[in-house]
């Protein structure tokens, strides 16, 4: 299981890889990488775990940007290289989430 602290440590140490997909999704939702990282580092919480994800387990993190808007980001973490990878990111839809944490 992924520990959010490991992802935070990787972000703080600039050991992060961003997938092309995450960059495309960020652009579509008008998000910048800095605010995505901020949303994780400043109180991000894992709300779903995907232990069977391939090639590495993944997790969904809920965080907030500086204007207190919710951001969902999906991450993997490589224990060997201590590198986090941003898989995708999006602004959650109120029609699909309860309190941004539970799927409807």
C-alpha atoms as a PDB file:
ATOM      1  CA  UNK A   1       0.000   0.000   0.000  1.00  0.00           C
ATOM      2  CA  UNK A   2       1.235   3.478  -0.846  1.00  0.00           C
ATOM      3  CA  UNK A   3       1.925   5.961   1.940  1.00  0.00           C
ATOM      4  CA  UNK A   4       1.091   9.577   1.052  1.00  0.00           C
ATOM      5  CA  UNK A   5       4.221  10.636   2.949  1.00  0.00           C
ATOM      6  CA  UNK A   6       6.373   8.829   0.364  1.00  0.00           C
ATOM      7  CA  UNK A   7       4.716  10.774  -2.452  1.00  0.00           C
ATOM      8  CA  UNK A   8       5.113  14.045  -0.533  1.00  0.00           C
ATOM      9  CA  UNK A   9       8.799  13.287   0.069  1.00  0.00           C
ATOM     10  CA  UNK A  10       9.274  12.539  -3.646  1.00  0.00           C
ATOM     11  CA  UNK A  11       7.572  15.815  -4.633  1.00  0.00           C
ATOM     12  CA  UNK A  12       9.689  17.787  -2.171  1.00  0.00           C
ATOM     13  CA  UNK A  13      12.863  16.127  -3.490  1.00  0.00           C
ATOM     14  CA  UNK A  14      11.864  16.648  -7.177  1.00  0.00           C
ATOM     15  CA  UNK A  15      11.680  12.893  -7.751  1.00  0.00           C
ATOM     16  CA  UNK A  16       8.472  13.052  -9.778  1.00  0.00           C
ATOM     17  CA  UNK A  17       7.599  11.855 -13.261  1.00  0.00           C
ATOM     18  CA  UNK A  18       4.492  13.218 -14.964  1.00  0.00           C
ATOM     19  CA  UNK A  19       2.802  11.070 -17.564  1.00  0.00           C
ATOM     20  CA  UNK A  20       1.838  12.607 -20.886  1.00  0.00           C
ATOM     21  CA  UNK A  21      -1.754  11.723 -20.028  1.00  0.00           C
ATOM     22  CA  UNK A  22      -1.588  13.677 -16.750  1.00  0.00           C
ATOM     23  CA  UNK A  23      -0.221  16.736 -18.545  1.00  0.00           C
ATOM     24  CA  UNK A  24      -3.037  16.546 -21.105  1.00  0.00           C
ATOM     25  CA  UNK A  25      -5.692  16.121 -18.405  1.00  0.00           C
ATOM     26  CA  UNK A  26      -4.220  18.978 -16.355  1.00  0.00           C
ATOM     27  CA  UNK A  27      -4.377  21.270 -19.370  1.00  0.00           C
ATOM     28  CA  UNK A  28      -7.991  20.284 -20.086  1.00  0.00           C
ATOM     29  CA  UNK A  29      -8.995  21.101 -16.504  1.00  0.00           C
ATOM     30  CA  UNK A  30      -6.919  24.282 -16.433  1.00  0.00           C
ATOM     31  CA  UNK A  31      -4.596  22.947 -13.718  1.00  0.00           C
ATOM     32  CA  UNK A  32      -0.910  23.698 -13.412  1.00  0.00           C
ATOM     33  CA  UNK A  33       1.638  21.225 -12.095  1.00  0.00           C
ATOM     34  CA  UNK A  34       2.580  23.436  -9.156  1.00  0.00           C
ATOM     35  CA  UNK A  35      -0.963  23.508  -7.802  1.00  0.00           C
ATOM     36  CA  UNK A  36      -1.285  19.750  -8.262  1.00  0.00           C
ATOM     37  CA  UNK A  37       1.865  19.200  -6.206  1.00  0.00           C
ATOM     38  CA  UNK A  38       0.625  21.737  -3.629  1.00  0.00           C
ATOM     39  CA  UNK A  39      -2.668  19.840  -3.329  1.00  0.00           C
ATOM     40  CA  UNK A  40      -0.762  16.706  -2.333  1.00  0.00           C
ATOM     41  CA  UNK A  41       1.937  18.245  -0.135  1.00  0.00           C
ATOM     42  CA  UNK A  42      -0.407  20.503   1.825  1.00  0.00           C
ATOM     43  CA  UNK A  43      -2.767  17.967   3.342  1.00  0.00           C
ATOM     44  CA  UNK A  44      -3.436  15.561   0.490  1.00  0.00           C
ATOM     45  CA  UNK A  45      -5.156  12.359   1.584  1.00  0.00           C
ATOM     46  CA  UNK A  46      -5.431   8.987  -0.082  1.00  0.00           C
ATOM     47  CA  UNK A  47      -9.109   8.260  -0.683  1.00  0.00           C
ATOM     48  CA  UNK A  48      -8.762   5.133  -2.850  1.00  0.00           C
ATOM     49  CA  UNK A  49      -6.063   2.502  -3.267  1.00  0.00           C
ATOM     50  CA  UNK A  50      -5.517   0.448  -6.402  1.00  0.00           C
ATOM     51  CA  UNK A  51      -3.188  -2.349  -5.235  1.00  0.00           C
ATOM     52  CA  UNK A  52      -3.652  -4.349  -8.454  1.00  0.00           C
ATOM     53  CA  UNK A  53      -2.663  -1.499 -10.791  1.00  0.00           C
ATOM     54  CA  UNK A  54       0.110  -2.365 -13.236  1.00  0.00           C
ATOM     55  CA  UNK A  55       3.046  -1.944 -13.319  1.00  0.00           C
ATOM     56  CA  UNK A  56       2.888  -0.483  -9.784  1.00  0.00           C
ATOM     57  CA  UNK A  57       0.122  -0.085  -7.198  1.00  0.00           C
ATOM     58  CA  UNK A  58      -1.572   3.308  -7.405  1.00  0.00           C
ATOM     59  CA  UNK A  59      -3.715   5.576  -5.276  1.00  0.00           C
ATOM     60  CA  UNK A  60      -6.168   8.438  -5.678  1.00  0.00           C
ATOM     61  CA  UNK A  61      -5.327  11.518  -3.630  1.00  0.00           C
ATOM     62  CA  UNK A  62      -7.740  14.301  -2.746  1.00  0.00           C
ATOM     63  CA  UNK A  63      -6.136  17.660  -2.166  1.00  0.00           C
ATOM     64  CA  UNK A  64      -6.968  21.353  -2.369  1.00  0.00           C
ATOM     65  CA  UNK A  65      -5.308  24.136  -4.313  1.00  0.00           C
ATOM     66  CA  UNK A  66      -4.605  27.598  -2.862  1.00  0.00           C
ATOM     67  CA  UNK A  67      -8.146  28.748  -3.650  1.00  0.00           C
ATOM     68  CA  UNK A  68      -9.534  25.677  -1.838  1.00  0.00           C
ATOM     69  CA  UNK A  69     -10.791  23.924  -4.959  1.00  0.00           C
ATOM     70  CA  UNK A  70     -10.620  20.109  -4.828  1.00  0.00           C
ATOM     71  CA  UNK A  71      -8.169  18.234  -7.020  1.00  0.00           C
ATOM     72  CA  UNK A  72      -8.011  14.477  -7.561  1.00  0.00           C
ATOM     73  CA  UNK A  73      -4.700  13.026  -8.648  1.00  0.00           C
ATOM     74  CA  UNK A  74      -3.682   9.408  -9.237  1.00  0.00           C
ATOM     75  CA  UNK A  75      -0.133   8.404  -8.298  1.00  0.00           C
ATOM     76  CA  UNK A  76       2.204   5.453  -8.240  1.00  0.00           C
ATOM     77  CA  UNK A  77       5.308   5.192  -6.096  1.00  0.00           C
ATOM     78  CA  UNK A  78       8.420   3.165  -6.845  1.00  0.00           C
ATOM     79  CA  UNK A  79      10.011   2.033  -3.569  1.00  0.00           C
ATOM     80  CA  UNK A  80      13.328   1.201  -5.244  1.00  0.00           C
ATOM     81  CA  UNK A  81      13.913   4.550  -6.983  1.00  0.00           C
ATOM     82  CA  UNK A  82      11.810   6.490  -4.457  1.00  0.00           C
ATOM     83  CA  UNK A  83      10.099   8.162  -7.404  1.00  0.00           C
ATOM     84  CA  UNK A  84       6.455   9.186  -7.612  1.00  0.00           C
ATOM     85  CA  UNK A  85       4.601   9.220 -10.911  1.00  0.00           C
ATOM     86  CA  UNK A  86       1.543  11.349 -11.605  1.00  0.00           C
ATOM     87  CA  UNK A  87      -0.734   9.161 -13.717  1.00  0.00           C
ATOM     88  CA  UNK A  88      -3.733  11.448 -14.145  1.00  0.00           C
ATOM     89  CA  UNK A  89      -5.376  14.457 -12.549  1.00  0.00           C
ATOM     90  CA  UNK A  90      -8.772  16.114 -12.711  1.00  0.00           C
ATOM     91  CA  UNK A  91     -11.225  18.400 -10.977  1.00  0.00           C
ATOM     92  CA  UNK A  92     -13.822  16.083  -9.428  1.00  0.00           C
ATOM     93  CA  UNK A  93     -17.427  16.440 -10.548  1.00  0.00           C
ATOM     94  CA  UNK A  94     -20.006  17.109  -7.802  1.00  0.00           C
ATOM     95  CA  UNK A  95     -22.406  14.771  -9.605  1.00  0.00           C
ATOM     96  CA  UNK A  96     -19.994  11.848  -9.144  1.00  0.00           C
ATOM     97  CA  UNK A  97     -18.600  12.423  -5.647  1.00  0.00           C
ATOM     98  CA  UNK A  98     -19.922  12.856  -2.112  1.00  0.00           C
ATOM     99  CA  UNK A  99     -17.740  15.331  -0.198  1.00  0.00           C
ATOM    100  CA  UNK A 100     -15.114  14.734  -2.927  1.00  0.00           C
ATOM    101  CA  UNK A 101     -14.181  11.457  -1.122  1.00  0.00           C
ATOM    102  CA  UNK A 102     -16.845   8.848  -1.897  1.00  0.00           C
ATOM    103  CA  UNK A 103     -18.044   7.808  -5.352  1.00  0.00           C
ATOM    104  CA  UNK A 104     -21.785   8.125  -5.894  1.00  0.00           C
END
